PDB file of N, CA and C in Angstrom:
ATOM      1  N   VAL A   1     -11.235 -27.478  35.697  1.00  0.00           N
ATOM      2  CA  VAL A   1     -10.014 -26.727  35.462  1.00  0.00           C
ATOM      3  C   VAL A   1      -9.849 -25.630  36.508  1.00  0.00           C
ATOM      4  N   ASP A   2     -10.925 -24.917  36.781  1.00  0.00           N
ATOM      5  CA  ASP A   2     -10.827 -23.817  37.748  1.00  0.00           C
ATOM      6  C   ASP A   2     -10.424 -24.303  39.136  1.00  0.00           C
ATOM      7  N   GLN A   3     -10.911 -25.487  39.528  1.00  0.00           N
ATOM      8  CA  GLN A   3     -10.549 -25.998  40.854  1.00  0.00           C
ATOM      9  C   GLN A   3      -9.061 -26.359  40.918  1.00  0.00           C
ATOM     10  N   TRP A   4      -8.472 -26.820  39.801  1.00  0.00           N
ATOM     11  CA  TRP A   4      -7.045 -27.111  39.781  1.00  0.00           C
ATOM     12  C   TRP A   4      -6.227 -25.828  39.845  1.00  0.00           C
ATOM     13  N   VAL A   5      -6.656 -24.809  39.148  1.00  0.00           N
ATOM     14  CA  VAL A   5      -5.961 -23.515  39.217  1.00  0.00           C
ATOM     15  C   VAL A   5      -6.011 -22.998  40.648  1.00  0.00           C
ATOM     16  N   ALA A   6      -7.168 -23.059  41.264  1.00  0.00           N
ATOM     17  CA  ALA A   6      -7.308 -22.593  42.653  1.00  0.00           C
ATOM     18  C   ALA A   6      -6.410 -23.398  43.587  1.00  0.00           C
ATOM     19  N   ALA A   7      -6.342 -24.706  43.390  1.00  0.00           N
ATOM     20  CA  ALA A   7      -5.503 -25.551  44.251  1.00  0.00           C
ATOM     21  C   ALA A   7      -4.026 -25.227  44.083  1.00  0.00           C
ATOM     22  N   PHE A   8      -3.567 -25.061  42.844  1.00  0.00           N
ATOM     23  CA  PHE A   8      -2.164 -24.708  42.622  1.00  0.00           C
ATOM     24  C   PHE A   8      -1.837 -23.355  43.253  1.00  0.00           C
ATOM     25  N   LYS A   9      -2.744 -22.407  43.138  1.00  0.00           N
ATOM     26  CA  LYS A   9      -2.509 -21.092  43.726  1.00  0.00           C
ATOM     27  C   LYS A   9      -2.522 -21.151  45.254  1.00  0.00           C
ATOM     28  N   PHE A  10      -3.330 -22.014  45.821  1.00  0.00           N
ATOM     29  CA  PHE A  10      -3.422 -22.137  47.276  1.00  0.00           C
ATOM     30  C   PHE A  10      -2.201 -22.848  47.865  1.00  0.00           C
ATOM     31  N   PHE A  11      -1.752 -23.924  47.203  1.00  0.00           N
ATOM     32  CA  PHE A  11      -0.689 -24.750  47.760  1.00  0.00           C
ATOM     33  C   PHE A  11       0.711 -24.411  47.263  1.00  0.00           C
ATOM     34  N   THR A  12       0.834 -23.467  46.325  1.00  0.00           N
ATOM     35  CA  THR A  12       2.151 -23.088  45.817  1.00  0.00           C
ATOM     36  C   THR A  12       2.279 -21.565  45.808  1.00  0.00           C
ATOM     37  N   THR A  13       3.418 -21.111  45.362  1.00  0.00           N
ATOM     38  CA  THR A  13       3.643 -19.671  45.234  1.00  0.00           C
ATOM     39  C   THR A  13       3.623 -19.236  43.768  1.00  0.00           C
ATOM     40  N   ILE A  14       3.037 -20.048  42.912  1.00  0.00           N
ATOM     41  CA  ILE A  14       3.005 -19.732  41.481  1.00  0.00           C
ATOM     42  C   ILE A  14       2.218 -18.447  41.233  1.00  0.00           C
ATOM     43  N   SER A  15       2.755 -17.643  40.358  1.00  0.00           N
ATOM     44  CA  SER A  15       2.132 -16.372  39.994  1.00  0.00           C
ATOM     45  C   SER A  15       1.143 -16.590  38.846  1.00  0.00           C
ATOM     46  N   ASP A  16       0.116 -15.754  38.794  1.00  0.00           N
ATOM     47  CA  ASP A  16      -0.880 -15.843  37.725  1.00  0.00           C
ATOM     48  C   ASP A  16      -0.261 -15.752  36.333  1.00  0.00           C
ATOM     49  N   GLN A  17       0.858 -15.059  36.208  1.00  0.00           N
ATOM     50  CA  GLN A  17       1.475 -14.883  34.888  1.00  0.00           C
ATOM     51  C   GLN A  17       1.959 -16.201  34.288  1.00  0.00           C
ATOM     52  N   TYR A  18       2.107 -17.241  35.115  1.00  0.00           N
ATOM     53  CA  TYR A  18       2.588 -18.537  34.636  1.00  0.00           C
ATOM     54  C   TYR A  18       1.471 -19.547  34.429  1.00  0.00           C
ATOM     55  N   ILE A  19       0.239 -19.174  34.700  1.00  0.00           N
ATOM     56  CA  ILE A  19      -0.887 -20.103  34.608  1.00  0.00           C
ATOM     57  C   ILE A  19      -1.704 -19.813  33.360  1.00  0.00           C
ATOM     58  N   ARG A  20      -1.978 -20.869  32.586  1.00  0.00           N
ATOM     59  CA  ARG A  20      -2.831 -20.757  31.409  1.00  0.00           C
ATOM     60  C   ARG A  20      -3.886 -21.853  31.466  1.00  0.00           C
ATOM     61  N   LYS A  21      -5.104 -21.500  31.044  1.00  0.00           N
ATOM     62  CA  LYS A  21      -6.194 -22.468  30.959  1.00  0.00           C
ATOM     63  C   LYS A  21      -6.520 -22.708  29.492  1.00  0.00           C
ATOM     64  N   PHE A  22      -6.773 -23.973  29.164  1.00  0.00           N
ATOM     65  CA  PHE A  22      -7.147 -24.347  27.805  1.00  0.00           C
ATOM     66  C   PHE A  22      -8.461 -25.115  27.892  1.00  0.00           C
ATOM     67  N   THR A  23      -9.558 -24.395  27.722  1.00  0.00           N
ATOM     68  CA  THR A  23     -10.902 -24.964  27.803  1.00  0.00           C
ATOM     69  C   THR A  23     -11.752 -24.360  26.695  1.00  0.00           C
ATOM     70  N   ALA A  24     -13.013 -24.738  26.663  1.00  0.00           N
ATOM     71  CA  ALA A  24     -13.924 -24.167  25.663  1.00  0.00           C
ATOM     72  C   ALA A  24     -14.023 -22.653  25.811  1.00  0.00           C
ATOM     73  N   ASN A  25     -13.913 -22.156  27.040  1.00  0.00           N
ATOM     74  CA  ASN A  25     -14.059 -20.723  27.302  1.00  0.00           C
ATOM     75  C   ASN A  25     -12.738 -19.974  27.450  1.00  0.00           C
ATOM     76  N   HIS A  26     -11.639 -20.691  27.606  1.00  0.00           N
ATOM     77  CA  HIS A  26     -10.330 -20.060  27.814  1.00  0.00           C
ATOM     78  C   HIS A  26      -9.307 -20.685  26.868  1.00  0.00           C
ATOM     79  N   LYS A  27      -8.823 -19.898  25.959  1.00  0.00           N
ATOM     80  CA  LYS A  27      -7.782 -20.349  25.028  1.00  0.00           C
ATOM     81  C   LYS A  27      -6.663 -19.325  25.050  1.00  0.00           C
ATOM     82  N   GLU A  28      -5.980 -19.276  26.174  1.00  0.00           N
ATOM     83  CA  GLU A  28      -4.939 -18.288  26.387  1.00  0.00           C
ATOM     84  C   GLU A  28      -3.630 -18.752  25.760  1.00  0.00           C
ATOM     85  N   PRO A  29      -3.013 -17.937  24.912  1.00  0.00           N
ATOM     86  CA  PRO A  29      -1.729 -18.328  24.315  1.00  0.00           C
ATOM     87  C   PRO A  29      -0.680 -18.581  25.398  1.00  0.00           C
ATOM     88  N   LEU A  30       0.212 -19.507  25.103  1.00  0.00           N
ATOM     89  CA  LEU A  30       1.306 -19.799  26.029  1.00  0.00           C
ATOM     90  C   LEU A  30       2.381 -18.735  25.858  1.00  0.00           C
ATOM     91  N   PRO A  31       3.143 -18.448  26.916  1.00  0.00           N
ATOM     92  CA  PRO A  31       4.262 -17.513  26.757  1.00  0.00           C
ATOM     93  C   PRO A  31       5.300 -18.117  25.808  1.00  0.00           C
ATOM     94  N   ASP A  32       6.058 -17.252  25.144  1.00  0.00           N
ATOM     95  CA  ASP A  32       7.056 -17.730  24.187  1.00  0.00           C
ATOM     96  C   ASP A  32       8.133 -18.580  24.835  1.00  0.00           C
ATOM     97  N   SER A  33       8.471 -18.267  26.063  1.00  0.00           N
ATOM     98  CA  SER A  33       9.503 -19.034  26.758  1.00  0.00           C
ATOM     99  C   SER A  33       9.227 -18.992  28.252  1.00  0.00           C
ATOM    100  N   GLY A  34       9.980 -19.778  28.970  1.00  0.00           N
ATOM    101  CA  GLY A  34       9.843 -19.807  30.417  1.00  0.00           C
ATOM    102  C   GLY A  34       8.806 -20.805  30.880  1.00  0.00           C
ATOM    103  N   PRO A  35       8.635 -20.870  32.178  1.00  0.00           N
ATOM    104  CA  PRO A  35       7.730 -21.875  32.739  1.00  0.00           C
ATOM    105  C   PRO A  35       6.270 -21.529  32.475  1.00  0.00           C
ATOM    106  N   VAL A  36       5.456 -22.570  32.411  1.00  0.00           N
ATOM    107  CA  VAL A  36       4.014 -22.376  32.267  1.00  0.00           C
ATOM    108  C   VAL A  36       3.301 -23.573  32.903  1.00  0.00           C
ATOM    109  N   LEU A  37       2.233 -23.282  33.585  1.00  0.00           N
ATOM    110  CA  LEU A  37       1.345 -24.313  34.117  1.00  0.00           C
ATOM    111  C   LEU A  37       0.104 -24.273  33.236  1.00  0.00           C
ATOM    112  N   LEU A  38      -0.061 -25.284  32.396  1.00  0.00           N
ATOM    113  CA  LEU A  38      -1.212 -25.368  31.511  1.00  0.00           C
ATOM    114  C   LEU A  38      -2.222 -26.310  32.141  1.00  0.00           C
ATOM    115  N   VAL A  39      -3.397 -25.799  32.414  1.00  0.00           N
ATOM    116  CA  VAL A  39      -4.452 -26.599  33.034  1.00  0.00           C
ATOM    117  C   VAL A  39      -5.530 -26.827  31.989  1.00  0.00           C
ATOM    118  N   THR A  40      -5.752 -28.095  31.652  1.00  0.00           N
ATOM    119  CA  THR A  40      -6.722 -28.467  30.639  1.00  0.00           C
ATOM    120  C   THR A  40      -7.207 -29.869  30.929  1.00  0.00           C
ATOM    121  N   SER A  41      -7.940 -30.449  30.014  1.00  0.00           N
ATOM    122  CA  SER A  41      -8.408 -31.821  30.184  1.00  0.00           C
ATOM    123  C   SER A  41      -7.781 -32.715  29.119  1.00  0.00           C
ATOM    124  N   TYR A  42      -7.771 -33.997  29.404  1.00  0.00           N
ATOM    125  CA  TYR A  42      -7.276 -34.953  28.419  1.00  0.00           C
ATOM    126  C   TYR A  42      -8.071 -34.834  27.131  1.00  0.00           C
ATOM    127  N   SER A  43      -9.369 -34.647  27.253  1.00  0.00           N
ATOM    128  CA  SER A  43     -10.239 -34.539  26.080  1.00  0.00           C
ATOM    129  C   SER A  43      -9.832 -33.372  25.189  1.00  0.00           C
ATOM    130  N   PHE A  44      -9.481 -32.244  25.794  1.00  0.00           N
ATOM    131  CA  PHE A  44      -9.084 -31.072  25.002  1.00  0.00           C
ATOM    132  C   PHE A  44      -7.753 -31.303  24.294  1.00  0.00           C
ATOM    133  N   ILE A  45      -6.837 -31.979  24.940  1.00  0.00           N
ATOM    134  CA  ILE A  45      -5.526 -32.227  24.342  1.00  0.00           C
ATOM    135  C   ILE A  45      -5.610 -33.287  23.245  1.00  0.00           C
ATOM    136  N   SER A  46      -6.408 -34.319  23.465  1.00  0.00           N
ATOM    137  CA  SER A  46      -6.433 -35.453  22.535  1.00  0.00           C
ATOM    138  C   SER A  46      -7.425 -35.298  21.394  1.00  0.00           C
ATOM    139  N   TYR A  47      -8.264 -34.278  21.427  1.00  0.00           N
ATOM    140  CA  TYR A  47      -9.270 -34.075  20.389  1.00  0.00           C
ATOM    141  C   TYR A  47      -8.598 -33.938  19.023  1.00  0.00           C
ATOM    142  N   THR A  48      -9.100 -34.684  18.033  1.00  0.00           N
ATOM    143  CA  THR A  48      -8.479 -34.655  16.707  1.00  0.00           C
ATOM    144  C   THR A  48      -9.375 -34.037  15.640  1.00  0.00           C
ATOM    145  N   GLY A  49     -10.521 -33.544  16.028  1.00  0.00           N
ATOM    146  CA  GLY A  49     -11.438 -32.929  15.069  1.00  0.00           C
ATOM    147  C   GLY A  49     -11.064 -31.488  14.756  1.00  0.00           C
ATOM    148  N   SER A  50     -11.972 -30.818  14.098  1.00  0.00           N
ATOM    149  CA  SER A  50     -11.775 -29.420  13.724  1.00  0.00           C
ATOM    150  C   SER A  50     -11.789 -28.534  14.966  1.00  0.00           C
ATOM    151  N   ARG A  51     -10.878 -27.567  15.006  1.00  0.00           N
ATOM    152  CA  ARG A  51     -10.769 -26.636  16.129  1.00  0.00           C
ATOM    153  C   ARG A  51     -10.928 -25.204  15.631  1.00  0.00           C
ATOM    154  N   SER A  52     -11.302 -24.329  16.547  1.00  0.00           N
ATOM    155  CA  SER A  52     -11.354 -22.907  16.224  1.00  0.00           C
ATOM    156  C   SER A  52      -9.931 -22.406  15.980  1.00  0.00           C
ATOM    157  N   PRO A  53      -9.782 -21.263  15.307  1.00  0.00           N
ATOM    158  CA  PRO A  53      -8.428 -20.719  15.099  1.00  0.00           C
ATOM    159  C   PRO A  53      -7.671 -20.500  16.410  1.00  0.00           C
ATOM    160  N   GLU A  54      -8.371 -20.028  17.452  1.00  0.00           N
ATOM    161  CA  GLU A  54      -7.710 -19.796  18.746  1.00  0.00           C
ATOM    162  C   GLU A  54      -7.234 -21.112  19.354  1.00  0.00           C
ATOM    163  N   ALA A  55      -8.090 -22.134  19.310  1.00  0.00           N
ATOM    164  CA  ALA A  55      -7.722 -23.433  19.867  1.00  0.00           C
ATOM    165  C   ALA A  55      -6.596 -24.066  19.070  1.00  0.00           C
ATOM    166  N   THR A  56      -6.617 -23.910  17.757  1.00  0.00           N
ATOM    167  CA  THR A  56      -5.551 -24.441  16.909  1.00  0.00           C
ATOM    168  C   THR A  56      -4.218 -23.798  17.262  1.00  0.00           C
ATOM    169  N   MET A  57      -4.218 -22.490  17.490  1.00  0.00           N
ATOM    170  CA  MET A  57      -2.985 -21.793  17.862  1.00  0.00           C
ATOM    171  C   MET A  57      -2.429 -22.357  19.172  1.00  0.00           C
ATOM    172  N   VAL A  58      -3.295 -22.519  20.168  1.00  0.00           N
ATOM    173  CA  VAL A  58      -2.832 -23.015  21.470  1.00  0.00           C
ATOM    174  C   VAL A  58      -2.340 -24.452  21.359  1.00  0.00           C
ATOM    175  N   ILE A  59      -3.084 -25.326  20.674  1.00  0.00           N
ATOM    176  CA  ILE A  59      -2.654 -26.723  20.579  1.00  0.00           C
ATOM    177  C   ILE A  59      -1.342 -26.838  19.820  1.00  0.00           C
ATOM    178  N   ASN A  60      -1.117 -25.986  18.830  1.00  0.00           N
ATOM    179  CA  ASN A  60       0.177 -25.987  18.134  1.00  0.00           C
ATOM    180  C   ASN A  60       1.295 -25.561  19.073  1.00  0.00           C
ATOM    181  N   GLN A  61       1.027 -24.594  19.950  1.00  0.00           N
ATOM    182  CA  GLN A  61       2.024 -24.191  20.946  1.00  0.00           C
ATOM    183  C   GLN A  61       2.308 -25.343  21.907  1.00  0.00           C
ATOM    184  N   VAL A  62       1.277 -26.043  22.320  1.00  0.00           N
ATOM    185  CA  VAL A  62       1.437 -27.181  23.236  1.00  0.00           C
ATOM    186  C   VAL A  62       2.300 -28.256  22.580  1.00  0.00           C
ATOM    187  N   LYS A  63       2.019 -28.565  21.330  1.00  0.00           N
ATOM    188  CA  LYS A  63       2.761 -29.612  20.621  1.00  0.00           C
ATOM    189  C   LYS A  63       4.219 -29.231  20.364  1.00  0.00           C
ATOM    190  N   SER A  64       4.504 -27.950  20.244  1.00  0.00           N
ATOM    191  CA  SER A  64       5.861 -27.527  19.902  1.00  0.00           C
ATOM    192  C   SER A  64       6.779 -27.396  21.115  1.00  0.00           C
ATOM    193  N   ARG A  65       6.229 -27.506  22.305  1.00  0.00           N
ATOM    194  CA  ARG A  65       7.014 -27.363  23.538  1.00  0.00           C
ATOM    195  C   ARG A  65       7.485 -28.703  24.052  1.00  0.00           C
ATOM    196  N   GLU A  66       8.598 -28.692  24.751  1.00  0.00           N
ATOM    197  CA  GLU A  66       9.028 -29.872  25.493  1.00  0.00           C
ATOM    198  C   GLU A  66       8.508 -29.715  26.913  1.00  0.00           C
ATOM    199  N   TRP A  67       7.724 -30.693  27.361  1.00  0.00           N
ATOM    200  CA  TRP A  67       7.111 -30.636  28.684  1.00  0.00           C
ATOM    201  C   TRP A  67       7.875 -31.566  29.611  1.00  0.00           C
ATOM    202  N   GLY A  68       8.295 -31.058  30.752  1.00  0.00           N
ATOM    203  CA  GLY A  68       9.043 -31.864  31.706  1.00  0.00           C
ATOM    204  C   GLY A  68       8.168 -32.670  32.643  1.00  0.00           C
ATOM    205  N   LEU A  69       6.917 -32.266  32.795  1.00  0.00           N
ATOM    206  CA  LEU A  69       6.036 -32.934  33.753  1.00  0.00           C
ATOM    207  C   LEU A  69       4.606 -32.861  33.242  1.00  0.00           C
ATOM    208  N   LEU A  70       3.900 -33.960  33.367  1.00  0.00           N
ATOM    209  CA  LEU A  70       2.498 -34.024  32.974  1.00  0.00           C
ATOM    210  C   LEU A  70       1.714 -34.658  34.116  1.00  0.00           C
ATOM    211  N   LEU A  71       0.760 -33.925  34.643  1.00  0.00           N
ATOM    212  CA  LEU A  71      -0.151 -34.442  35.660  1.00  0.00           C
ATOM    213  C   LEU A  71      -1.508 -34.639  35.013  1.00  0.00           C
ATOM    214  N   MET A  72      -2.077 -35.827  35.157  1.00  0.00           N
ATOM    215  CA  MET A  72      -3.370 -36.097  34.527  1.00  0.00           C
ATOM    216  C   MET A  72      -4.406 -36.468  35.574  1.00  0.00           C
ATOM    217  N   ASP A  73      -5.484 -35.741  35.556  1.00  0.00           N
ATOM    218  CA  ASP A  73      -6.652 -36.073  36.352  1.00  0.00           C
ATOM    219  C   ASP A  73      -7.603 -36.835  35.433  1.00  0.00           C
ATOM    220  N   GLU A  74      -8.528 -37.545  36.025  1.00  0.00           N
ATOM    221  CA  GLU A  74      -9.504 -38.304  35.223  1.00  0.00           C
ATOM    222  C   GLU A  74      -8.807 -39.253  34.246  1.00  0.00           C
ATOM    223  N   VAL A  75      -7.728 -39.881  34.711  1.00  0.00           N
ATOM    224  CA  VAL A  75      -6.912 -40.731  33.836  1.00  0.00           C
ATOM    225  C   VAL A  75      -7.675 -41.969  33.354  1.00  0.00           C
ATOM    226  N   HIS A  76      -8.783 -42.272  33.962  1.00  0.00           N
ATOM    227  CA  HIS A  76      -9.557 -43.434  33.524  1.00  0.00           C
ATOM    228  C   HIS A  76     -10.118 -43.267  32.106  1.00  0.00           C
ATOM    229  N   VAL A  77     -10.111 -42.044  31.569  1.00  0.00           N
ATOM    230  CA  VAL A  77     -10.597 -41.834  30.203  1.00  0.00           C
ATOM    231  C   VAL A  77      -9.496 -42.009  29.162  1.00  0.00           C
ATOM    232  N   VAL A  78      -8.248 -42.198  29.601  1.00  0.00           N
ATOM    233  CA  VAL A  78      -7.130 -42.376  28.684  1.00  0.00           C
ATOM    234  C   VAL A  78      -7.142 -43.813  28.172  1.00  0.00           C
ATOM    235  N   PRO A  79      -7.066 -43.993  26.834  1.00  0.00           N
ATOM    236  CA  PRO A  79      -7.040 -45.355  26.293  1.00  0.00           C
ATOM    237  C   PRO A  79      -5.811 -46.123  26.785  1.00  0.00           C
ATOM    238  N   ALA A  80      -5.978 -47.387  26.998  1.00  0.00           N
ATOM    239  CA  ALA A  80      -4.870 -48.240  27.476  1.00  0.00           C
ATOM    240  C   ALA A  80      -3.864 -48.464  26.383  1.00  0.00           C
TER     241      ALA A  80
END
């Protein structure tokens, strides 16, 4: 995740205020509105087991948003 954040910051003009990480160590709430670059893994998004309260809050925010673009790394782990 950190390498993707670094790459987006290097190759674009995106500001830190628009970047959120969703990992075991980072569960940053999404902004209420406006653009956001959410960097996470397929495993974190697709996990269906019990989550911490912080992770539950973030995943509910992810599910409630309309996303215009999805980039997936490690797509070989996605079920066919």
